[in-house]
Amino acid sequence: MPQIPYPELNEVAPDVKEFYENMPVKLNMAKMACHSSALVKPFLRLGSAILLKSKTPATLRELLILRIAALTNSHYELYHHEHIAKQTGIDDSYIKVAQDKSTKNYEVLPEDIKVVFKVADDVIGIGRISSQVMDELKRLFSNEIVVELSIISGYYTMVSQYLQSLDINTEDDRIANRISS
C-alpha cells in the first residue's frame, strides 16, 4: 500500500490532469507524480526521452535498468522492465544475471553487457562510475552513449528511490519478489 494516496485526478491542476490522461499507458508511478504539478511533466518526459529517443541500444538500456532495479530492490521497476527487456529480444539468461544481486562474475558475458552491469554496480555501490569502468565505457562507446548511460543510471536510481519511498505498487498489484538475495 502506498505511503500516501494516489491523487484524485479531478483535484490536480487541469494541465496535469490533461497530461496524465493523454499518456498512452497509465502507470501508478506517473499518477503518484501528479501530486507535484511542478515536477510531474519534466520527471516523466525525461523517462520518455530515455526510452524513446536515446541512442543507447534498447538491450543495453534495459539491462542497465534491470540491474539497477535489482540492486536497489525496486520490485516495480523489475516488474515493468523485465517485460520491456523481453520485448526487445534480450536473452533470458542475461535478464537473470541482471536480476541476481549476488552476481559479480560477468566474464562469460559480451563486453558491452559486462560494462553496463559494472556501471550499475558502481553507481549503486559507490555513487558514481569508477575511473576503471569509465575507461571501459569510453573504449566501447561514443561520448553520446557514455553520457546517456550515465544519465540512465542516475535517473533509474532516482526512480527506484521514489518508488520505494512512497511504496508505489504495480498497476495490477501482483508483485513477485524475483530479486535474488
Protein backbone atom coordinates (compact mmCIF):
# COMPACT_ATOMS: atom_id res chain seq x y z
CA MET A 1 0.00 0.00 0.00
CA PRO A 2 1.40 3.40 -0.95
CA GLN A 3 2.57 5.74 1.81
CA ILE A 4 0.18 8.42 0.54
CA PRO A 5 -2.94 8.00 -1.58
CA TYR A 6 -2.82 8.42 -5.33
CA PRO A 7 -4.23 11.80 -6.26
CA GLU A 8 -7.78 12.19 -7.39
CA LEU A 9 -7.40 13.49 -10.93
CA ASN A 10 -10.27 15.93 -10.51
CA GLU A 11 -8.25 17.56 -7.69
CA VAL A 12 -4.96 18.12 -9.58
CA ALA A 13 -4.17 21.11 -11.79
CA PRO A 14 -6.07 20.93 -15.10
CA ASP A 15 -2.89 20.77 -17.21
CA VAL A 16 -1.57 17.92 -15.05
CA LYS A 17 -4.85 16.04 -15.40
CA GLU A 18 -4.76 16.50 -19.18
CA PHE A 19 -1.09 15.43 -19.30
CA TYR A 20 -1.84 12.23 -17.37
CA GLU A 21 -5.00 11.43 -19.31
CA ASN A 22 -3.11 11.78 -22.61
CA MET A 23 -0.45 9.28 -21.56
CA PRO A 24 -0.65 6.12 -23.68
CA VAL A 25 -0.03 3.93 -20.61
CA LYS A 26 -1.36 4.93 -17.19
CA LEU A 27 1.30 3.92 -14.68
CA ASN A 28 0.99 4.28 -10.92
CA MET A 29 4.37 5.99 -10.75
CA ALA A 30 3.03 8.65 -13.12
CA LYS A 31 -0.24 9.02 -11.27
CA MET A 32 1.53 9.50 -7.94
CA ALA A 33 3.78 12.14 -9.52
CA CYS A 34 0.64 14.13 -10.38
CA HIS A 35 0.72 15.35 -6.77
CA SER A 36 3.53 17.66 -7.91
CA SER A 37 2.36 19.93 -10.69
CA ALA A 38 5.85 21.45 -10.94
CA LEU A 39 7.73 18.16 -11.35
CA VAL A 40 5.42 15.61 -12.95
CA LYS A 41 5.96 16.65 -16.56
CA PRO A 42 9.77 17.03 -16.55
CA PHE A 43 10.14 13.85 -14.47
CA LEU A 44 8.09 11.74 -16.87
CA ARG A 45 9.37 13.43 -20.02
CA LEU A 46 12.95 12.55 -19.13
CA GLY A 47 11.88 8.92 -18.71
CA SER A 48 10.13 9.02 -22.06
CA ALA A 49 13.17 10.56 -23.74
CA ILE A 50 15.36 7.80 -22.31
CA LEU A 51 13.01 5.09 -23.53
CA LEU A 52 12.04 6.55 -26.90
CA LYS A 53 14.75 8.93 -28.10
CA SER A 54 18.12 7.94 -26.67
CA LYS A 55 20.73 6.43 -28.96
CA THR A 56 21.72 3.77 -26.42
CA PRO A 57 20.72 0.35 -27.76
CA ALA A 58 17.48 -0.79 -26.11
CA THR A 59 19.09 -4.03 -24.97
CA LEU A 60 21.83 -2.23 -23.06
CA ARG A 61 19.40 0.35 -21.67
CA GLU A 62 17.04 -2.33 -20.36
CA LEU A 63 19.80 -4.47 -18.87
CA LEU A 64 21.16 -1.39 -17.08
CA ILE A 65 17.69 -0.55 -15.73
CA LEU A 66 17.11 -4.15 -14.61
CA ARG A 67 20.47 -4.29 -12.86
CA ILE A 68 19.79 -1.03 -11.02
CA ALA A 69 16.31 -2.25 -10.09
CA ALA A 70 17.73 -5.48 -8.68
CA LEU A 71 20.50 -3.75 -6.73
CA THR A 72 18.02 -1.25 -5.24
CA ASN A 73 15.28 -3.84 -4.61
CA SER A 74 12.83 -1.98 -6.85
CA HIS A 75 10.14 -4.57 -7.49
CA TYR A 76 8.09 -2.10 -9.53
CA GLU A 77 10.92 -1.43 -11.97
CA LEU A 78 11.81 -5.11 -12.22
CA TYR A 79 8.20 -5.95 -12.96
CA HIS A 80 7.85 -3.40 -15.76
CA HIS A 81 11.30 -3.53 -17.29
CA GLU A 82 11.50 -7.31 -17.41
CA HIS A 83 8.57 -7.15 -19.83
CA ILE A 84 10.24 -4.39 -21.85
CA ALA A 85 13.53 -6.33 -21.89
CA LYS A 86 11.81 -9.40 -23.27
CA GLN A 87 10.09 -7.29 -25.93
CA THR A 88 13.48 -6.00 -27.08
CA GLY A 89 14.63 -9.59 -27.54
CA ILE A 90 17.08 -9.84 -24.65
CA ASP A 91 18.07 -13.40 -23.87
CA ASP A 92 16.51 -14.69 -20.63
CA SER A 93 19.93 -15.68 -19.33
CA TYR A 94 21.08 -12.02 -19.45
CA ILE A 95 17.89 -10.93 -17.68
CA LYS A 96 18.57 -13.50 -14.93
CA VAL A 97 22.13 -12.24 -14.47
CA ALA A 98 20.88 -8.64 -14.30
CA GLN A 99 18.40 -9.57 -11.59
CA ASP A 100 20.84 -11.59 -9.48
CA LYS A 101 22.24 -9.15 -6.91
CA SER A 102 24.91 -11.61 -5.79
CA THR A 103 26.45 -11.95 -9.24
CA LYS A 104 29.60 -10.00 -9.97
CA ASN A 105 31.11 -12.59 -12.30
CA TYR A 106 30.43 -11.19 -15.74
CA GLU A 107 33.30 -12.88 -17.56
CA VAL A 108 31.03 -15.04 -19.73
CA LEU A 109 29.02 -12.03 -20.94
CA PRO A 110 29.66 -9.97 -24.07
CA GLU A 111 31.87 -6.98 -23.34
CA ASP A 112 29.18 -4.32 -23.84
CA ILE A 113 26.75 -6.04 -21.44
CA LYS A 114 29.51 -6.68 -18.93
CA VAL A 115 30.43 -2.99 -18.75
CA VAL A 116 26.78 -1.91 -18.46
CA PHE A 117 26.39 -4.19 -15.42
CA LYS A 118 29.56 -2.69 -13.97
CA VAL A 119 28.05 0.80 -14.43
CA ALA A 120 25.06 -0.21 -12.33
CA ASP A 121 27.25 -1.87 -9.71
CA ASP A 122 29.37 1.29 -9.42
CA VAL A 123 26.51 3.77 -9.37
CA ILE A 124 24.69 1.85 -6.66
CA GLY A 125 27.81 0.68 -4.80
CA ILE A 126 29.96 3.83 -4.77
CA GLY A 127 27.60 6.53 -6.06
CA ARG A 128 29.41 7.12 -9.34
CA ILE A 129 31.02 5.37 -12.29
CA SER A 130 34.59 4.46 -11.33
CA SER A 131 37.56 5.54 -13.45
CA GLN A 132 38.21 1.94 -14.48
CA VAL A 133 34.63 1.40 -15.69
CA MET A 134 34.59 4.84 -17.34
CA ASP A 135 37.71 3.88 -19.29
CA GLU A 136 35.94 0.71 -20.47
CA LEU A 137 32.88 2.75 -21.49
CA LYS A 138 34.98 5.24 -23.46
CA ARG A 139 36.77 2.41 -25.24
CA LEU A 140 33.49 0.73 -26.28
CA PHE A 141 31.08 3.60 -26.89
CA SER A 142 30.76 7.09 -28.32
CA ASN A 143 30.71 10.06 -25.96
CA GLU A 144 26.96 10.32 -26.59
CA ILE A 145 26.34 6.77 -25.36
CA VAL A 146 28.65 7.27 -22.35
CA VAL A 147 26.64 10.34 -21.34
CA GLU A 148 23.35 8.56 -21.92
CA LEU A 149 24.39 5.57 -19.83
CA SER A 150 25.38 7.97 -17.04
CA ILE A 151 22.01 9.75 -17.23
CA ILE A 152 20.05 6.49 -17.46
CA SER A 153 21.80 5.05 -14.41
CA GLY A 154 21.16 8.21 -12.39
CA TYR A 155 17.56 8.56 -13.49
CA TYR A 156 16.60 4.98 -12.73
CA THR A 157 18.37 5.11 -9.37
CA MET A 158 16.22 8.15 -8.56
CA VAL A 159 13.09 6.42 -9.88
CA SER A 160 13.82 3.41 -7.70
CA GLN A 161 14.18 5.60 -4.60
CA TYR A 162 10.97 7.46 -5.45
CA LEU A 163 9.02 4.24 -5.98
CA GLN A 164 10.28 2.62 -2.81
CA SER A 165 9.99 5.70 -0.59
CA LEU A 166 6.30 6.01 -1.46
CA ASP A 167 5.69 2.24 -1.73
CA ILE A 168 4.17 2.66 -5.18
CA ASN A 169 2.63 -0.62 -6.28
CA THR A 170 2.38 -2.10 -9.75
CA GLU A 171 -0.85 -1.46 -11.57
CA ASP A 172 -2.15 -4.99 -11.16
CA ASP A 173 -0.67 -5.20 -7.66
CA ARG A 174 0.89 -8.62 -8.32
CA ILE A 175 4.48 -8.08 -7.28
CA ALA A 176 6.60 -11.20 -7.32
CA ASN A 177 9.85 -10.99 -5.46
CA ARG A 178 12.20 -12.06 -8.24
CA ILE A 179 15.28 -10.46 -6.77
CA SER A 180 17.93 -12.97 -5.87
CA SER A 181 19.43 -12.37 -2.45
